[in-house]
């Protein structure tokens, strides 16, 4: 399939405090690759080399590509390090270019909701880009704290709600499941 065969192309938001937002977006990318569609993923606030999706996506090339825009440490919400801001803005410039070029059928902006919520990327800039999305391109925005204006603009919003999680019992992130 050539880019643009998704009809109108929609804006999807996966948000909330529950587990599964990135996993849902990656699952959609796998499904799309199975139909010959191309997905570009930009991960904001992530720079850790041991995420399983990095190796998994390499196996899906050339249908899925992934780019990280962050460091391998947590971002201080109240006082972000200038390096975190710089990396997020660089990632956002890449994401805008990927969207404008229109070569991907799907663009996943992983953890962009958090990046906006933490003040690393201006919400209005994201809204402006969403308004100018090419027809036929699907945009997926993931992360906790999706801004109200993004939720209102989206065509589909899923909120992951944590009911119960084994982290509460002291279970660390496991290879192949959480990372």
Protein backbone atom coordinates (compact mmCIF):
# COMPACT_ATOMS: atom_id res chain seq x y z
CA UNK A 1 0.00 0.00 0.00
CA UNK A 2 1.07 3.56 -0.62
CA UNK A 3 0.85 6.29 2.04
CA UNK A 4 -2.60 7.86 2.21
CA UNK A 5 -4.70 4.70 1.91
CA UNK A 6 -6.23 5.13 5.35
CA UNK A 7 -9.08 7.29 4.12
CA UNK A 8 -9.32 10.50 6.13
CA UNK A 9 -6.74 9.40 8.69
CA UNK A 10 -7.61 10.05 12.30
CA UNK A 11 -6.04 11.44 15.44
CA UNK A 12 -5.94 8.93 18.29
CA UNK A 13 -4.98 9.64 21.90
CA UNK A 14 -4.03 6.96 24.44
CA UNK A 15 -3.80 8.54 27.89
CA UNK A 16 -4.48 7.85 31.57
CA UNK A 17 -2.57 6.44 34.51
CA UNK A 18 -2.93 2.77 33.55
CA UNK A 19 -0.39 0.60 31.78
CA UNK A 20 -0.60 -0.03 28.05
CA UNK A 21 -0.48 3.26 26.15
CA UNK A 22 2.83 2.68 24.38
CA UNK A 23 2.03 -1.01 24.05
CA UNK A 24 -1.23 -0.20 22.25
CA UNK A 25 0.55 2.13 19.84
CA UNK A 26 3.24 -0.47 19.14
CA UNK A 27 0.58 -3.11 18.56
CA UNK A 28 -1.09 -0.85 16.02
CA UNK A 29 2.30 -0.43 14.32
CA UNK A 30 2.75 -4.21 14.09
CA UNK A 31 -0.74 -4.60 12.65
CA UNK A 32 -0.07 -1.85 10.10
CA UNK A 33 3.24 -3.43 9.06
CA UNK A 34 1.36 -6.66 8.40
CA UNK A 35 -0.62 -4.77 5.76
CA UNK A 36 2.43 -3.06 4.24
CA UNK A 37 1.77 0.31 5.89
CA UNK A 38 4.64 2.43 7.15
CA UNK A 39 4.83 3.74 10.71
CA UNK A 40 7.25 6.31 12.14
CA UNK A 41 7.53 6.44 15.94
CA UNK A 42 9.09 9.30 17.90
CA UNK A 43 9.51 8.52 21.60
CA UNK A 44 9.68 11.61 23.78
CA UNK A 45 11.38 11.56 27.19
CA UNK A 46 12.87 8.14 26.40
CA UNK A 47 16.51 7.44 25.65
CA UNK A 48 17.19 4.14 27.32
CA UNK A 49 18.79 1.63 24.98
CA UNK A 50 17.30 -1.46 26.67
CA UNK A 51 13.67 -0.95 25.61
CA UNK A 52 12.56 -4.13 23.84
CA UNK A 53 10.62 -2.18 21.26
CA UNK A 54 13.88 -0.82 19.82
CA UNK A 55 15.05 -4.30 18.84
CA UNK A 56 11.55 -5.42 17.88
CA UNK A 57 11.04 -2.50 15.54
CA UNK A 58 14.32 -3.27 13.77
CA UNK A 59 12.76 -6.63 12.85
CA UNK A 60 9.84 -4.78 11.25
CA UNK A 61 12.02 -2.56 9.04
CA UNK A 62 11.41 -1.00 6.61
CA UNK A 63 7.77 -0.76 7.67
CA UNK A 64 8.37 0.65 11.15
CA UNK A 65 11.06 3.09 12.27
CA UNK A 66 11.65 4.44 15.76
CA UNK A 67 13.49 7.51 17.07
CA UNK A 68 14.16 8.41 20.70
CA UNK A 69 14.15 11.99 21.94
CA UNK A 70 15.24 11.90 25.54
CA UNK A 71 17.74 10.71 28.10
CA UNK A 72 17.89 7.50 30.10
CA UNK A 73 16.68 9.23 33.24
CA UNK A 74 13.43 10.61 34.62
CA UNK A 75 12.52 14.20 33.79
CA UNK A 76 11.96 16.56 36.71
CA UNK A 77 8.42 17.78 36.12
CA UNK A 78 8.81 20.94 38.22
CA UNK A 79 12.26 21.91 36.96
CA UNK A 80 13.17 20.12 33.72
CA UNK A 81 16.85 19.97 32.88
CA UNK A 82 17.67 22.16 29.85
CA UNK A 83 18.97 19.00 28.13
CA UNK A 84 15.54 17.37 28.48
CA UNK A 85 13.93 20.43 26.92
CA UNK A 86 16.48 20.46 24.08
CA UNK A 87 16.03 16.76 23.30
CA UNK A 88 12.23 17.02 23.38
CA UNK A 89 12.29 20.03 21.04
CA UNK A 90 14.65 18.22 18.65
CA UNK A 91 12.32 15.23 18.70
CA UNK A 92 9.37 17.50 18.04
CA UNK A 93 11.13 19.08 15.03
CA UNK A 94 11.74 15.56 13.68
CA UNK A 95 8.10 14.60 14.30
CA UNK A 96 6.84 17.71 12.50
CA UNK A 97 9.10 16.90 9.55
CA UNK A 98 7.88 13.29 9.43
CA UNK A 99 4.27 14.49 9.49
CA UNK A 100 4.80 17.20 6.85
CA UNK A 101 6.67 14.84 4.49
CA UNK A 102 3.71 12.47 4.51
CA UNK A 103 5.84 9.40 3.77
CA UNK A 104 4.48 7.44 6.74
CA UNK A 105 0.92 6.19 6.95
CA UNK A 106 1.00 6.37 10.74
CA UNK A 107 3.04 8.62 13.03
CA UNK A 108 3.19 7.67 16.70
CA UNK A 109 4.12 10.46 19.08
CA UNK A 110 4.94 8.32 22.10
CA UNK A 111 4.80 10.13 25.46
CA UNK A 112 4.14 13.47 23.77
CA UNK A 113 1.26 14.07 26.18
CA UNK A 114 3.75 13.91 29.06
CA UNK A 115 6.17 16.16 27.18
CA UNK A 116 3.41 18.76 26.80
CA UNK A 117 2.26 18.30 30.40
CA UNK A 118 5.85 18.84 31.64
CA UNK A 119 6.19 21.98 29.50
CA UNK A 120 8.87 20.53 27.21
CA UNK A 121 6.80 21.07 24.06
CA UNK A 122 4.23 23.87 23.63
CA UNK A 123 0.65 22.56 23.40
CA UNK A 124 -0.30 25.19 20.80
CA UNK A 125 2.50 24.04 18.51
CA UNK A 126 1.23 20.46 18.71
CA UNK A 127 -2.36 21.58 18.05
CA UNK A 128 -1.22 23.57 15.01
CA UNK A 129 0.56 20.50 13.62
CA UNK A 130 -2.47 18.31 14.28
CA UNK A 131 -4.64 20.78 12.34
CA UNK A 132 -2.26 20.52 9.35
CA UNK A 133 -1.98 16.71 9.36
CA UNK A 134 -1.94 15.29 5.83
CA UNK A 135 -5.16 13.58 4.76
CA UNK A 136 -4.80 9.83 4.97
CA UNK A 137 -2.25 9.91 7.81
CA UNK A 138 -3.10 8.46 11.22
CA UNK A 139 -1.56 10.23 14.22
CA UNK A 140 -1.26 8.47 17.60
CA UNK A 141 -0.43 10.51 20.71
CA UNK A 142 0.40 8.59 23.88
CA UNK A 143 1.19 9.44 27.48
CA UNK A 144 -0.39 10.51 30.73
CA UNK A 145 -1.81 14.00 31.08
CA UNK A 146 -3.17 14.62 27.59
CA UNK A 147 -4.14 18.31 27.40
CA UNK A 148 -7.87 18.99 27.21
CA UNK A 149 -7.47 20.77 23.85
CA UNK A 150 -5.75 17.69 22.36
CA UNK A 151 -8.51 15.43 23.68
CA UNK A 152 -11.12 17.72 22.12
CA UNK A 153 -9.37 17.71 18.74
CA UNK A 154 -8.83 13.93 18.66
CA UNK A 155 -11.14 11.55 16.83
CA UNK A 156 -10.52 8.67 19.25
CA UNK A 157 -9.48 8.89 22.91
CA UNK A 158 -8.76 5.90 25.10
CA UNK A 159 -8.02 6.38 28.77
CA UNK A 160 -6.07 3.57 30.41
CA UNK A 161 -7.23 3.31 34.01
CA UNK A 162 -5.16 1.47 36.58
CA UNK A 163 -7.35 -0.84 38.63
CA UNK A 164 -4.56 -2.98 40.06
CA UNK A 165 -0.82 -3.19 39.35
CA UNK A 166 1.92 -5.49 40.63
CA UNK A 167 4.26 -2.48 41.03
CA UNK A 168 2.39 -1.89 44.29
CA UNK A 169 3.84 -5.21 45.50
CA UNK A 170 7.37 -4.13 44.62
CA UNK A 171 7.69 -5.81 41.19
CA UNK A 172 10.18 -3.94 39.02
CA UNK A 173 9.77 -3.40 35.26
CA UNK A 174 10.35 -6.76 33.57
CA UNK A 175 12.28 -7.37 30.36
CA UNK A 176 9.90 -8.11 27.51
CA UNK A 177 6.80 -6.98 29.41
CA UNK A 178 7.36 -3.42 30.67
CA UNK A 179 10.61 -2.69 28.88
